[in-house]
């Protein structure tokens, strides 16, 4: 069996307050029955996968840079979308105003006598 193989099994755990829980979790394939394993849970005591952890400071820096770049692109994209939407709305309003003024002025052009 290759190193790092993991399988889903039924696990049981007890909270700090003594409440017992049962759920499914991934463990190493060679884990024996009744062997202790670490089980990660959420706030509702549901079994969750282990959070990703960087193995080296370089990986931590890369993850931080990637998340920062992603967040920056999200903010920039939202700002650009807002700008574009505002511009389209304002351009439409401006065109309607120009058309109304052209109609008003255009109707007066034919009245001048020569």
N, C-alpha and C. Protein backbone atom coordinates (compact mmCIF):
# COMPACT_ATOMS: atom_id res chain seq x y z
N UNK A 1 0.85 -1.17 0.00
CA UNK A 1 0.00 0.00 0.00
C UNK A 1 0.90 1.23 0.00
N UNK A 2 0.66 2.19 -0.91
CA UNK A 2 1.49 3.39 -0.99
C UNK A 2 1.38 4.23 0.27
N UNK A 3 2.48 4.88 0.61
CA UNK A 3 2.48 5.76 1.79
C UNK A 3 1.49 6.90 1.56
N UNK A 4 0.77 7.27 2.59
CA UNK A 4 -0.16 8.38 2.49
C UNK A 4 -1.57 7.99 2.09
N UNK A 5 -1.84 6.68 1.87
CA UNK A 5 -3.21 6.26 1.55
C UNK A 5 -4.10 6.53 2.76
N UNK A 6 -5.26 7.10 2.49
CA UNK A 6 -6.20 7.41 3.57
C UNK A 6 -7.56 6.86 3.20
N UNK A 7 -8.31 6.43 4.20
CA UNK A 7 -9.63 5.84 3.99
C UNK A 7 -10.61 6.48 4.98
N UNK A 8 -11.90 6.44 4.62
CA UNK A 8 -12.94 6.92 5.53
C UNK A 8 -13.33 5.79 6.46
N UNK A 9 -13.43 6.11 7.74
CA UNK A 9 -13.88 5.14 8.75
C UNK A 9 -14.84 5.83 9.71
N UNK A 10 -15.59 5.04 10.45
CA UNK A 10 -16.45 5.59 11.49
C UNK A 10 -15.59 5.81 12.73
N UNK A 11 -15.70 7.00 13.29
CA UNK A 11 -14.93 7.35 14.49
C UNK A 11 -15.87 7.80 15.59
N UNK A 12 -15.42 7.65 16.80
CA UNK A 12 -16.18 8.12 17.97
C UNK A 12 -15.28 9.01 18.80
N UNK A 13 -15.86 10.09 19.32
CA UNK A 13 -15.07 10.97 20.17
C UNK A 13 -15.94 11.57 21.25
N UNK A 14 -15.27 12.06 22.28
CA UNK A 14 -15.94 12.67 23.41
C UNK A 14 -15.47 14.10 23.55
N UNK A 15 -16.43 15.03 23.67
CA UNK A 15 -16.10 16.45 23.86
C UNK A 15 -15.55 16.67 25.25
N UNK A 16 -15.03 17.87 25.47
CA UNK A 16 -14.52 18.25 26.78
C UNK A 16 -15.61 18.19 27.84
N UNK A 17 -16.88 18.43 27.43
CA UNK A 17 -17.98 18.40 28.39
C UNK A 17 -18.53 16.98 28.59
N UNK A 18 -17.94 15.98 27.93
CA UNK A 18 -18.36 14.59 28.11
C UNK A 18 -19.37 14.09 27.09
N UNK A 19 -19.81 14.95 26.16
CA UNK A 19 -20.77 14.53 25.14
C UNK A 19 -20.08 13.61 24.14
N UNK A 20 -20.70 12.48 23.85
CA UNK A 20 -20.14 11.52 22.90
C UNK A 20 -20.70 11.77 21.49
N UNK A 21 -19.85 11.60 20.50
CA UNK A 21 -20.22 11.82 19.11
C UNK A 21 -19.71 10.66 18.25
N UNK A 22 -20.38 10.47 17.12
CA UNK A 22 -19.95 9.49 16.13
C UNK A 22 -20.00 10.16 14.77
N UNK A 23 -19.00 9.91 13.94
CA UNK A 23 -18.96 10.51 12.61
C UNK A 23 -18.00 9.75 11.72
N UNK A 24 -17.76 10.31 10.54
CA UNK A 24 -16.83 9.68 9.60
C UNK A 24 -15.63 10.61 9.44
N UNK A 25 -14.46 10.03 9.37
CA UNK A 25 -13.24 10.81 9.21
C UNK A 25 -12.26 10.01 8.37
N UNK A 26 -11.35 10.70 7.74
CA UNK A 26 -10.28 10.05 6.97
C UNK A 26 -9.12 9.76 7.88
N UNK A 27 -8.63 8.54 7.81
CA UNK A 27 -7.47 8.14 8.60
C UNK A 27 -6.51 7.39 7.69
N UNK A 28 -5.28 7.22 8.15
CA UNK A 28 -4.31 6.43 7.39
C UNK A 28 -4.84 5.02 7.22
N UNK A 29 -4.59 4.43 6.05
CA UNK A 29 -5.14 3.11 5.74
C UNK A 29 -4.66 2.04 6.72
N UNK A 30 -3.51 2.20 7.32
CA UNK A 30 -2.99 1.19 8.24
C UNK A 30 -3.46 1.34 9.68
N UNK A 31 -4.35 2.27 9.95
CA UNK A 31 -4.82 2.51 11.32
C UNK A 31 -5.62 1.31 11.81
N UNK A 32 -5.31 0.86 13.02
CA UNK A 32 -5.99 -0.30 13.60
C UNK A 32 -7.25 0.14 14.36
N UNK A 33 -8.20 -0.78 14.51
CA UNK A 33 -9.42 -0.51 15.28
C UNK A 33 -9.03 -0.13 16.70
N UNK A 34 -9.74 0.83 17.27
CA UNK A 34 -9.54 1.35 18.62
C UNK A 34 -8.26 2.16 18.78
N UNK A 35 -7.55 2.40 17.70
CA UNK A 35 -6.35 3.24 17.77
C UNK A 35 -6.79 4.69 17.84
N UNK A 36 -6.12 5.51 18.63
CA UNK A 36 -6.48 6.92 18.76
C UNK A 36 -6.02 7.69 17.53
N UNK A 37 -6.92 8.55 17.04
CA UNK A 37 -6.61 9.43 15.91
C UNK A 37 -7.12 10.82 16.25
N UNK A 38 -6.57 11.81 15.59
CA UNK A 38 -7.02 13.19 15.78
C UNK A 38 -8.22 13.42 14.86
N UNK A 39 -9.31 13.93 15.42
CA UNK A 39 -10.52 14.22 14.65
C UNK A 39 -10.76 15.72 14.73
N UNK A 40 -10.88 16.37 13.58
CA UNK A 40 -11.16 17.80 13.52
C UNK A 40 -12.67 17.98 13.41
N UNK A 41 -13.21 18.93 14.18
CA UNK A 41 -14.66 19.18 14.16
C UNK A 41 -14.92 20.67 13.99
N UNK A 42 -16.17 20.98 13.55
CA UNK A 42 -16.58 22.38 13.46
C UNK A 42 -17.30 22.76 14.75
N UNK A 43 -17.89 23.93 14.78
CA UNK A 43 -18.55 24.40 16.02
C UNK A 43 -19.81 23.62 16.35
N UNK A 44 -20.36 22.91 15.38
CA UNK A 44 -21.54 22.07 15.63
C UNK A 44 -21.14 20.63 15.90
N UNK A 45 -19.86 20.41 16.17
CA UNK A 45 -19.32 19.08 16.48
C UNK A 45 -19.49 18.08 15.34
N UNK A 46 -19.45 18.57 14.09
CA UNK A 46 -19.46 17.68 12.94
C UNK A 46 -18.02 17.44 12.52
N UNK A 47 -17.71 16.22 12.16
CA UNK A 47 -16.37 15.86 11.72
C UNK A 47 -16.02 16.59 10.43
N UNK A 48 -14.84 17.18 10.38
CA UNK A 48 -14.37 17.94 9.21
C UNK A 48 -12.97 17.48 8.85
N UNK A 49 -12.57 17.70 7.58
CA UNK A 49 -11.19 17.35 7.21
C UNK A 49 -10.19 18.26 7.91
N UNK A 50 -8.98 17.76 8.06
CA UNK A 50 -7.92 18.53 8.70
C UNK A 50 -7.64 19.79 7.89
N UNK A 51 -7.48 20.94 8.55
CA UNK A 51 -7.18 22.16 7.80
C UNK A 51 -5.80 22.07 7.15
N UNK A 52 -5.66 22.75 6.01
CA UNK A 52 -4.37 22.75 5.34
C UNK A 52 -3.37 23.55 6.15
N UNK A 53 -2.19 23.00 6.28
CA UNK A 53 -1.14 23.68 7.03
C UNK A 53 0.12 23.71 6.17
N UNK A 54 0.75 24.87 6.08
CA UNK A 54 2.01 24.91 5.33
C UNK A 54 3.09 24.12 6.07
N UNK A 55 3.96 23.47 5.31
CA UNK A 55 5.01 22.66 5.91
C UNK A 55 6.29 23.46 6.13
N UNK A 56 6.45 24.55 5.39
CA UNK A 56 7.65 25.37 5.53
C UNK A 56 7.26 26.85 5.55
N UNK A 57 8.14 27.70 6.05
CA UNK A 57 7.86 29.14 6.00
C UNK A 57 7.66 29.64 4.57
N UNK A 58 8.36 29.05 3.61
CA UNK A 58 8.19 29.46 2.22
C UNK A 58 6.78 29.15 1.74
N UNK A 59 6.25 27.99 2.12
CA UNK A 59 4.88 27.64 1.74
C UNK A 59 3.88 28.59 2.40
N UNK A 60 4.13 28.94 3.65
CA UNK A 60 3.24 29.88 4.34
C UNK A 60 3.26 31.23 3.64
N UNK A 61 4.45 31.69 3.23
CA UNK A 61 4.55 32.95 2.51
C UNK A 61 3.84 32.90 1.17
N UNK A 62 3.99 31.77 0.46
CA UNK A 62 3.33 31.61 -0.83
C UNK A 62 1.81 31.62 -0.66
N UNK A 63 1.31 30.89 0.34
CA UNK A 63 -0.14 30.87 0.59
C UNK A 63 -0.65 32.26 0.94
N UNK A 64 0.09 32.99 1.77
CA UNK A 64 -0.32 34.34 2.15
C UNK A 64 -0.33 35.26 0.93
N UNK A 65 0.71 35.16 0.09
CA UNK A 65 0.78 36.00 -1.10
C UNK A 65 -0.35 35.66 -2.07
N UNK A 66 -0.64 34.38 -2.22
CA UNK A 66 -1.71 33.95 -3.12
C UNK A 66 -3.06 34.46 -2.63
N UNK A 67 -3.32 34.32 -1.35
CA UNK A 67 -4.60 34.79 -0.81
C UNK A 67 -4.69 36.32 -0.88
N UNK A 68 -3.58 37.01 -0.64
CA UNK A 68 -3.58 38.47 -0.75
C UNK A 68 -3.85 38.92 -2.18
N UNK A 69 -3.21 38.24 -3.14
CA UNK A 69 -3.43 38.58 -4.55
C UNK A 69 -4.86 38.30 -4.96
N UNK A 70 -5.40 37.18 -4.50
CA UNK A 70 -6.79 36.83 -4.82
C UNK A 70 -7.75 37.87 -4.25
N UNK A 71 -7.53 38.25 -3.00
CA UNK A 71 -8.39 39.26 -2.37
C UNK A 71 -8.27 40.60 -3.11
N UNK A 72 -7.05 40.98 -3.48
CA UNK A 72 -6.85 42.24 -4.19
C UNK A 72 -7.56 42.23 -5.55
N UNK A 73 -7.44 41.11 -6.26
CA UNK A 73 -8.14 41.01 -7.55
C UNK A 73 -9.65 41.06 -7.37
N UNK A 74 -10.15 40.46 -6.29
CA UNK A 74 -11.59 40.51 -6.03
C UNK A 74 -12.06 41.92 -5.77
N UNK A 75 -11.30 42.66 -4.97
CA UNK A 75 -11.67 44.05 -4.68
C UNK A 75 -11.58 44.90 -5.95
N UNK A 76 -10.49 44.72 -6.71
CA UNK A 76 -10.32 45.49 -7.94
C UNK A 76 -11.42 45.15 -8.95
N UNK A 77 -11.77 43.89 -9.06
CA UNK A 77 -12.84 43.48 -9.97
C UNK A 77 -14.18 44.07 -9.58
N UNK A 78 -14.46 44.07 -8.28
CA UNK A 78 -15.71 44.65 -7.80
C UNK A 78 -15.75 46.15 -8.07
N UNK A 79 -14.62 46.83 -7.82
CA UNK A 79 -14.56 48.27 -8.09
C UNK A 79 -14.73 48.56 -9.58
N UNK A 80 -14.07 47.77 -10.42
CA UNK A 80 -14.19 47.97 -11.87
C UNK A 80 -15.62 47.72 -12.34
N UNK A 81 -16.25 46.69 -11.81
CA UNK A 81 -17.65 46.42 -12.16
C UNK A 81 -18.57 47.54 -11.73
N UNK A 82 -18.35 48.09 -10.53
CA UNK A 82 -19.15 49.22 -10.06
C UNK A 82 -18.95 50.45 -10.92
N UNK A 83 -17.69 50.71 -11.29
CA UNK A 83 -17.39 51.85 -12.16
C UNK A 83 -18.09 51.70 -13.51
N UNK A 84 -17.98 50.51 -14.09
CA UNK A 84 -18.59 50.27 -15.41
C UNK A 84 -20.11 50.42 -15.35
N UNK A 85 -20.72 49.87 -14.30
CA UNK A 85 -22.18 49.98 -14.14
C UNK A 85 -22.60 51.44 -14.00
N UNK A 86 -21.88 52.20 -13.16
CA UNK A 86 -22.21 53.61 -12.97
C UNK A 86 -22.05 54.38 -14.28
N UNK A 87 -20.99 54.06 -15.01
CA UNK A 87 -20.76 54.76 -16.28
C UNK A 87 -21.88 54.48 -17.28
N UNK A 88 -22.31 53.24 -17.40
CA UNK A 88 -23.38 52.88 -18.33
C UNK A 88 -24.67 53.62 -17.95
N UNK A 89 -25.00 53.62 -16.66
CA UNK A 89 -26.22 54.28 -16.20
C UNK A 89 -26.15 55.79 -16.48
N UNK A 90 -25.02 56.41 -16.16
CA UNK A 90 -24.88 57.85 -16.37
C UNK A 90 -24.86 58.21 -17.85
N UNK A 91 -24.21 57.37 -18.69
CA UNK A 91 -24.20 57.63 -20.14
C UNK A 91 -25.61 57.56 -20.71
N UNK A 92 -26.39 56.61 -20.28
CA UNK A 92 -27.78 56.51 -20.77
C UNK A 92 -28.58 57.75 -20.36
N UNK A 93 -28.42 58.17 -19.13
CA UNK A 93 -29.12 59.36 -18.65
C UNK A 93 -28.70 60.59 -19.45
N UNK A 94 -27.40 60.71 -19.71
CA UNK A 94 -26.88 61.85 -20.47
C UNK A 94 -27.41 61.84 -21.90
N UNK A 95 -27.46 60.66 -22.53
CA UNK A 95 -27.98 60.57 -23.90
C UNK A 95 -29.45 60.98 -23.97
N UNK A 96 -30.24 60.55 -22.97
CA UNK A 96 -31.65 60.94 -22.94
C UNK A 96 -31.78 62.45 -22.79
N UNK A 97 -30.97 63.07 -21.95
CA UNK A 97 -31.02 64.52 -21.75
C UNK A 97 -30.62 65.24 -23.03
N UNK A 98 -29.55 64.75 -23.69
CA UNK A 98 -29.14 65.37 -24.95
C UNK A 98 -30.22 65.26 -26.02
N UNK A 99 -30.85 64.09 -26.09
CA UNK A 99 -31.90 63.88 -27.09
C UNK A 99 -33.08 64.81 -26.82
N UNK A 100 -33.45 64.96 -25.54
CA UNK A 100 -34.57 65.85 -25.20
C UNK A 100 -34.21 67.30 -25.56
N UNK A 101 -32.98 67.71 -25.29
CA UNK A 101 -32.57 69.08 -25.62
C UNK A 101 -32.49 69.27 -27.13
N UNK A 102 -32.00 68.26 -27.87
CA UNK A 102 -31.93 68.35 -29.33
C UNK A 102 -33.33 68.49 -29.93
N UNK A 103 -34.27 67.76 -29.37
CA UNK A 103 -35.65 67.85 -29.86
C UNK A 103 -36.19 69.27 -29.61
N UNK A 104 -35.90 69.81 -28.44
CA UNK A 104 -36.40 71.16 -28.11
C UNK A 104 -35.77 72.23 -29.00
N UNK A 105 -34.46 72.17 -29.16
CA UNK A 105 -33.76 73.16 -29.98
C UNK A 105 -34.07 72.93 -31.46
N UNK A 106 -34.16 71.70 -31.90
CA UNK A 106 -34.45 71.37 -33.29
C UNK A 106 -35.79 71.91 -33.74
N UNK A 107 -36.75 71.92 -32.85
CA UNK A 107 -38.07 72.42 -33.24
C UNK A 107 -38.05 73.95 -33.42
N UNK A 108 -37.10 74.65 -32.82
CA UNK A 108 -37.00 76.10 -32.96
C UNK A 108 -36.21 76.53 -34.20
N UNK A 109 -35.41 75.65 -34.79
CA UNK A 109 -34.59 76.00 -35.95
C UNK A 109 -35.43 76.38 -37.17
N UNK A 110 -36.52 75.73 -37.35
CA UNK A 110 -37.33 75.99 -38.53
C UNK A 110 -38.13 77.29 -38.46
N UNK A 111 -38.14 77.99 -37.34
CA UNK A 111 -38.99 79.18 -37.16
C UNK A 111 -38.30 80.48 -37.59
N UNK A 112 -37.04 80.44 -37.76
CA UNK A 112 -36.33 81.69 -38.09
C UNK A 112 -36.70 82.15 -39.52
N UNK A 113 -36.99 83.41 -39.68
CA UNK A 113 -37.33 83.95 -40.99
C UNK A 113 -36.11 84.52 -41.69
N UNK A 114 -36.11 84.53 -42.96
CA UNK A 114 -34.92 85.02 -43.63
C UNK A 114 -35.25 86.06 -44.55
